N, C-alpha and C. Protein backbone atom coordinates (compact mmCIF):
# COMPACT_ATOMS: atom_id res chain seq x y z
N MET A 1 18.43 -12.50 -62.03
CA MET A 1 18.08 -12.08 -60.45
C MET A 1 18.83 -10.43 -60.31
N LYS A 2 17.98 -9.87 -59.48
CA LYS A 2 18.17 -8.45 -59.11
C LYS A 2 19.07 -8.57 -58.06
N ILE A 3 20.00 -7.72 -58.04
CA ILE A 3 20.85 -7.28 -56.74
C ILE A 3 20.25 -6.27 -56.00
N THR A 4 19.83 -6.44 -54.93
CA THR A 4 19.27 -5.30 -54.27
C THR A 4 20.43 -4.13 -53.88
N LYS A 5 19.89 -2.80 -53.60
CA LYS A 5 20.87 -1.98 -53.05
C LYS A 5 21.71 -2.22 -51.87
N GLN A 6 21.37 -2.89 -51.17
CA GLN A 6 22.02 -3.45 -49.68
C GLN A 6 23.06 -4.38 -50.29
N LYS A 7 22.52 -5.42 -50.97
CA LYS A 7 23.78 -6.31 -51.38
C LYS A 7 24.49 -5.91 -52.30
N SER A 8 24.42 -5.13 -53.03
CA SER A 8 25.59 -4.15 -54.06
C SER A 8 26.57 -3.39 -52.96
N LYS A 9 25.78 -2.70 -51.97
CA LYS A 9 26.52 -2.11 -51.11
C LYS A 9 27.55 -2.87 -50.27
N LYS A 10 26.96 -4.07 -49.95
CA LYS A 10 28.19 -5.08 -49.13
C LYS A 10 29.08 -5.70 -50.19
N LEU A 11 28.60 -5.83 -51.42
CA LEU A 11 29.71 -6.49 -52.40
C LEU A 11 30.89 -5.48 -52.53
N ARG A 12 30.27 -4.42 -52.43
CA ARG A 12 31.40 -3.01 -52.80
C ARG A 12 32.18 -3.13 -51.59
N ARG A 13 31.81 -2.99 -50.46
CA ARG A 13 32.42 -3.25 -48.91
C ARG A 13 33.53 -4.06 -48.98
N THR A 14 33.07 -5.41 -49.38
CA THR A 14 33.87 -6.50 -49.46
C THR A 14 35.03 -6.30 -50.36
N ASP A 15 34.68 -5.79 -51.46
CA ASP A 15 35.89 -5.63 -52.64
C ASP A 15 36.61 -4.53 -51.89
N ILE A 16 36.29 -3.48 -51.34
CA ILE A 16 37.32 -2.69 -50.85
C ILE A 16 38.07 -3.37 -49.56
N TYR A 17 37.31 -4.12 -48.82
CA TYR A 17 38.26 -4.88 -47.79
C TYR A 17 39.33 -5.57 -48.39
N GLN A 18 38.83 -6.27 -49.40
CA GLN A 18 39.92 -7.16 -49.90
C GLN A 18 40.97 -6.62 -50.72
N SER A 19 40.63 -5.34 -51.52
CA SER A 19 41.93 -4.52 -51.98
C SER A 19 42.60 -3.72 -51.05
N THR A 20 42.11 -3.41 -49.73
CA THR A 20 42.75 -2.91 -48.75
C THR A 20 43.54 -3.77 -47.98
N PHE A 21 43.14 -4.88 -47.57
CA PHE A 21 43.86 -5.65 -46.52
C PHE A 21 44.29 -6.93 -46.97
N LEU A 22 43.70 -7.42 -48.09
CA LEU A 22 44.15 -8.90 -48.52
C LEU A 22 45.01 -8.75 -49.58
N THR A 23 45.86 -8.04 -49.99
CA THR A 23 46.78 -7.70 -50.86
C THR A 23 48.32 -8.18 -50.60
N PRO A 24 48.95 -8.79 -51.24
CA PRO A 24 50.52 -9.05 -50.78
C PRO A 24 51.25 -7.56 -50.89
N THR A 25 51.99 -7.61 -49.74
CA THR A 25 53.10 -6.43 -50.04
C THR A 25 54.47 -6.81 -50.26
N THR A 26 55.30 -5.82 -50.57
CA THR A 26 56.58 -5.88 -50.51
C THR A 26 57.58 -6.17 -49.35
N PHE A 27 56.93 -6.17 -48.11
CA PHE A 27 57.36 -6.15 -46.78
C PHE A 27 58.03 -7.61 -46.67
N MET A 28 59.26 -7.85 -46.28
CA MET A 28 59.56 -9.07 -45.71
C MET A 28 59.65 -9.11 -44.13
N ALA A 29 59.07 -10.14 -43.77
CA ALA A 29 58.99 -10.41 -42.16
C ALA A 29 60.12 -10.48 -41.60
N ARG A 30 61.01 -11.25 -42.26
CA ARG A 30 62.37 -11.55 -41.67
C ARG A 30 63.21 -10.00 -41.56
N GLN A 31 62.90 -8.99 -42.08
CA GLN A 31 63.50 -7.80 -42.04
C GLN A 31 62.74 -6.77 -41.03
N GLY A 32 61.69 -7.37 -40.50
CA GLY A 32 60.90 -6.48 -39.51
C GLY A 32 61.46 -6.85 -38.04
N LYS A 33 60.36 -6.67 -37.16
CA LYS A 33 60.51 -6.98 -35.75
C LYS A 33 59.57 -7.71 -35.05
N THR A 34 59.87 -8.64 -34.07
CA THR A 34 58.96 -9.38 -33.70
C THR A 34 57.87 -8.68 -32.70
N VAL A 35 56.58 -8.99 -32.81
CA VAL A 35 55.53 -8.29 -32.29
C VAL A 35 54.78 -9.44 -31.64
N TYR A 36 54.33 -9.40 -30.34
CA TYR A 36 53.69 -10.34 -29.61
C TYR A 36 51.94 -9.91 -29.80
N ILE A 37 51.18 -10.91 -30.20
CA ILE A 37 49.91 -10.77 -29.88
C ILE A 37 49.27 -11.98 -29.35
N SER A 38 47.81 -11.79 -28.83
CA SER A 38 47.14 -12.89 -27.99
C SER A 38 47.12 -13.92 -29.11
N LYS A 39 47.23 -15.45 -28.39
CA LYS A 39 46.87 -16.54 -29.12
C LYS A 39 45.54 -16.41 -29.97
N GLU A 40 44.62 -15.92 -29.37
CA GLU A 40 43.21 -15.80 -29.93
C GLU A 40 43.32 -15.01 -31.17
N PHE A 41 44.22 -14.02 -31.17
CA PHE A 41 44.00 -12.96 -32.33
C PHE A 41 45.06 -13.67 -33.47
N HIS A 42 45.93 -14.26 -32.99
CA HIS A 42 47.04 -15.02 -34.04
C HIS A 42 45.75 -16.21 -34.57
N GLN A 43 45.26 -16.83 -34.01
CA GLN A 43 44.35 -18.02 -34.55
C GLN A 43 43.49 -17.26 -35.75
N LYS A 44 42.74 -16.38 -35.21
CA LYS A 44 41.77 -15.76 -36.19
C LYS A 44 42.27 -15.18 -37.37
N LEU A 45 43.27 -14.58 -37.08
CA LEU A 45 44.11 -13.63 -38.36
C LEU A 45 44.85 -14.86 -39.11
N SER A 46 45.55 -15.57 -38.60
CA SER A 46 46.19 -16.72 -39.45
C SER A 46 45.11 -17.58 -40.39
N GLN A 47 43.77 -17.81 -39.71
CA GLN A 47 42.68 -18.48 -40.25
C GLN A 47 42.22 -17.43 -41.62
N LEU A 48 42.01 -16.32 -41.13
CA LEU A 48 41.35 -15.21 -42.12
C LEU A 48 42.47 -15.05 -43.23
N VAL A 49 43.70 -15.00 -43.20
CA VAL A 49 44.87 -14.82 -44.03
C VAL A 49 44.83 -16.26 -44.84
N PHE A 50 44.69 -17.36 -44.39
CA PHE A 50 44.70 -18.51 -45.12
C PHE A 50 43.70 -18.81 -46.07
N MET A 51 42.45 -18.48 -45.42
CA MET A 51 41.25 -18.74 -46.04
C MET A 51 40.93 -17.64 -47.52
N LEU A 52 41.35 -16.31 -47.21
CA LEU A 52 41.00 -15.34 -48.10
C LEU A 52 42.25 -15.03 -48.73
N GLY A 53 43.54 -15.21 -48.40
CA GLY A 53 44.50 -14.82 -49.02
C GLY A 53 45.00 -15.79 -50.17
N ASN A 54 44.17 -17.00 -50.57
CA ASN A 54 44.61 -17.70 -51.69
C ASN A 54 46.08 -18.27 -51.78
N GLY A 55 46.48 -18.20 -50.63
CA GLY A 55 47.84 -18.63 -50.59
C GLY A 55 48.99 -17.85 -51.14
N LYS A 56 48.54 -16.18 -51.33
CA LYS A 56 49.50 -15.20 -51.70
C LYS A 56 49.86 -14.32 -50.76
N LEU A 57 49.13 -14.48 -49.51
CA LEU A 57 49.06 -13.41 -48.46
C LEU A 57 49.88 -13.92 -47.20
N THR A 58 50.50 -13.32 -46.49
CA THR A 58 51.10 -13.78 -45.28
C THR A 58 50.75 -12.94 -44.21
N LEU A 59 50.44 -13.51 -42.98
CA LEU A 59 50.05 -12.57 -41.78
C LEU A 59 50.74 -11.27 -41.87
N ALA A 60 52.00 -11.46 -42.06
CA ALA A 60 52.70 -10.29 -42.10
C ALA A 60 52.07 -9.25 -42.79
N ASP A 61 51.86 -9.78 -44.28
CA ASP A 61 51.31 -8.73 -44.97
C ASP A 61 49.97 -8.13 -44.63
N TYR A 62 49.12 -8.92 -44.19
CA TYR A 62 47.61 -8.67 -43.80
C TYR A 62 48.10 -7.51 -42.60
N LEU A 63 48.92 -7.78 -41.59
CA LEU A 63 49.22 -6.66 -40.27
C LEU A 63 49.81 -5.59 -41.06
N HIS A 64 50.66 -5.61 -42.12
CA HIS A 64 51.37 -4.46 -42.58
C HIS A 64 50.26 -3.45 -43.30
N ASN A 65 49.30 -4.10 -44.03
CA ASN A 65 48.41 -3.44 -44.60
C ASN A 65 47.14 -2.92 -43.49
N LEU A 66 46.97 -3.55 -42.52
CA LEU A 66 45.86 -3.17 -41.43
C LEU A 66 46.74 -1.92 -40.81
N LEU A 67 48.03 -2.05 -40.35
CA LEU A 67 48.71 -0.90 -39.66
C LEU A 67 48.69 0.57 -40.77
N GLN A 68 49.31 -0.13 -41.97
CA GLN A 68 49.27 1.36 -43.09
C GLN A 68 47.93 2.01 -42.96
N HIS A 69 46.75 1.20 -43.10
CA HIS A 69 45.59 1.92 -43.39
C HIS A 69 45.12 2.76 -42.02
N HIS A 70 45.63 2.22 -40.89
CA HIS A 70 45.45 2.91 -39.52
C HIS A 70 46.17 4.09 -39.46
N PHE A 71 47.51 4.20 -39.97
CA PHE A 71 48.06 5.39 -39.85
C PHE A 71 47.83 6.21 -40.83
N ASP A 72 47.36 5.92 -42.25
CA ASP A 72 46.70 6.93 -42.94
C ASP A 72 45.65 7.53 -42.65
N ASP A 73 44.52 6.72 -41.99
CA ASP A 73 43.23 7.22 -41.23
C ASP A 73 43.62 8.27 -40.13
N PHE A 74 44.54 7.70 -39.08
CA PHE A 74 44.41 8.39 -37.95
C PHE A 74 45.84 9.08 -37.79
N GLY A 75 46.88 9.16 -38.66
CA GLY A 75 48.14 9.60 -38.41
C GLY A 75 48.09 11.00 -38.08
N SER A 76 47.32 11.95 -38.53
CA SER A 76 47.35 13.33 -38.22
C SER A 76 46.64 13.71 -36.66
N ASP A 77 45.66 12.55 -36.38
CA ASP A 77 45.29 12.60 -34.90
C ASP A 77 46.32 12.28 -34.01
N MET A 78 46.93 11.14 -34.49
CA MET A 78 48.02 10.77 -33.70
C MET A 78 48.98 11.62 -33.44
N LYS A 79 49.48 12.43 -34.36
CA LYS A 79 50.31 13.48 -34.04
C LYS A 79 49.81 14.60 -33.37
N ILE A 80 48.62 15.05 -33.40
CA ILE A 80 48.26 15.90 -32.40
C ILE A 80 48.29 15.57 -31.03
N LEU A 81 47.74 14.33 -30.81
CA LEU A 81 47.97 13.88 -29.30
C LEU A 81 49.43 13.79 -28.76
N TYR A 82 50.33 13.21 -29.87
CA TYR A 82 51.68 13.22 -29.25
C TYR A 82 52.14 14.49 -29.23
N ASP A 83 51.98 15.49 -29.90
CA ASP A 83 52.27 16.84 -29.85
C ASP A 83 51.99 17.41 -28.42
N LYS A 84 50.90 17.14 -27.80
CA LYS A 84 50.26 17.43 -26.86
C LYS A 84 50.82 17.04 -25.23
N THR A 85 51.52 15.84 -25.56
CA THR A 85 52.12 15.20 -24.24
C THR A 85 53.70 15.57 -24.58
N LYS A 86 54.08 16.23 -25.59
CA LYS A 86 55.79 16.35 -25.47
C LYS A 86 55.75 17.41 -24.33
N THR A 87 56.98 17.13 -23.77
CA THR A 87 57.55 18.13 -22.60
C THR A 87 58.32 19.36 -23.25
N PRO A 88 58.21 20.59 -22.83
CA PRO A 88 59.10 21.52 -23.56
C PRO A 88 60.40 21.24 -23.21
N ASP A 89 61.53 21.36 -24.08
CA ASP A 89 62.97 21.01 -23.79
C ASP A 89 63.29 22.21 -22.97
N PHE A 90 64.28 21.74 -22.01
CA PHE A 90 65.12 22.95 -21.10
C PHE A 90 66.42 22.96 -21.79
């Protein structure tokens, strides 16, 4: 059975997603801080982590990976915006 280019590309994207977001971390949730999210997001994310994490992933792991990726991708942009809003010291 031939795998089309589009299917192959989708498979690679899912592999990248899995290796980026669905991998356990060394982060210990009890050493972090409480963060509140909507009930809807909590249900969706909990189900995603349960179904795709194979029992080796916590919601804290997933959120850690998600935020790490966000900061890696947008950290320099965030710094530029932050620097623009800083007021001069007197």
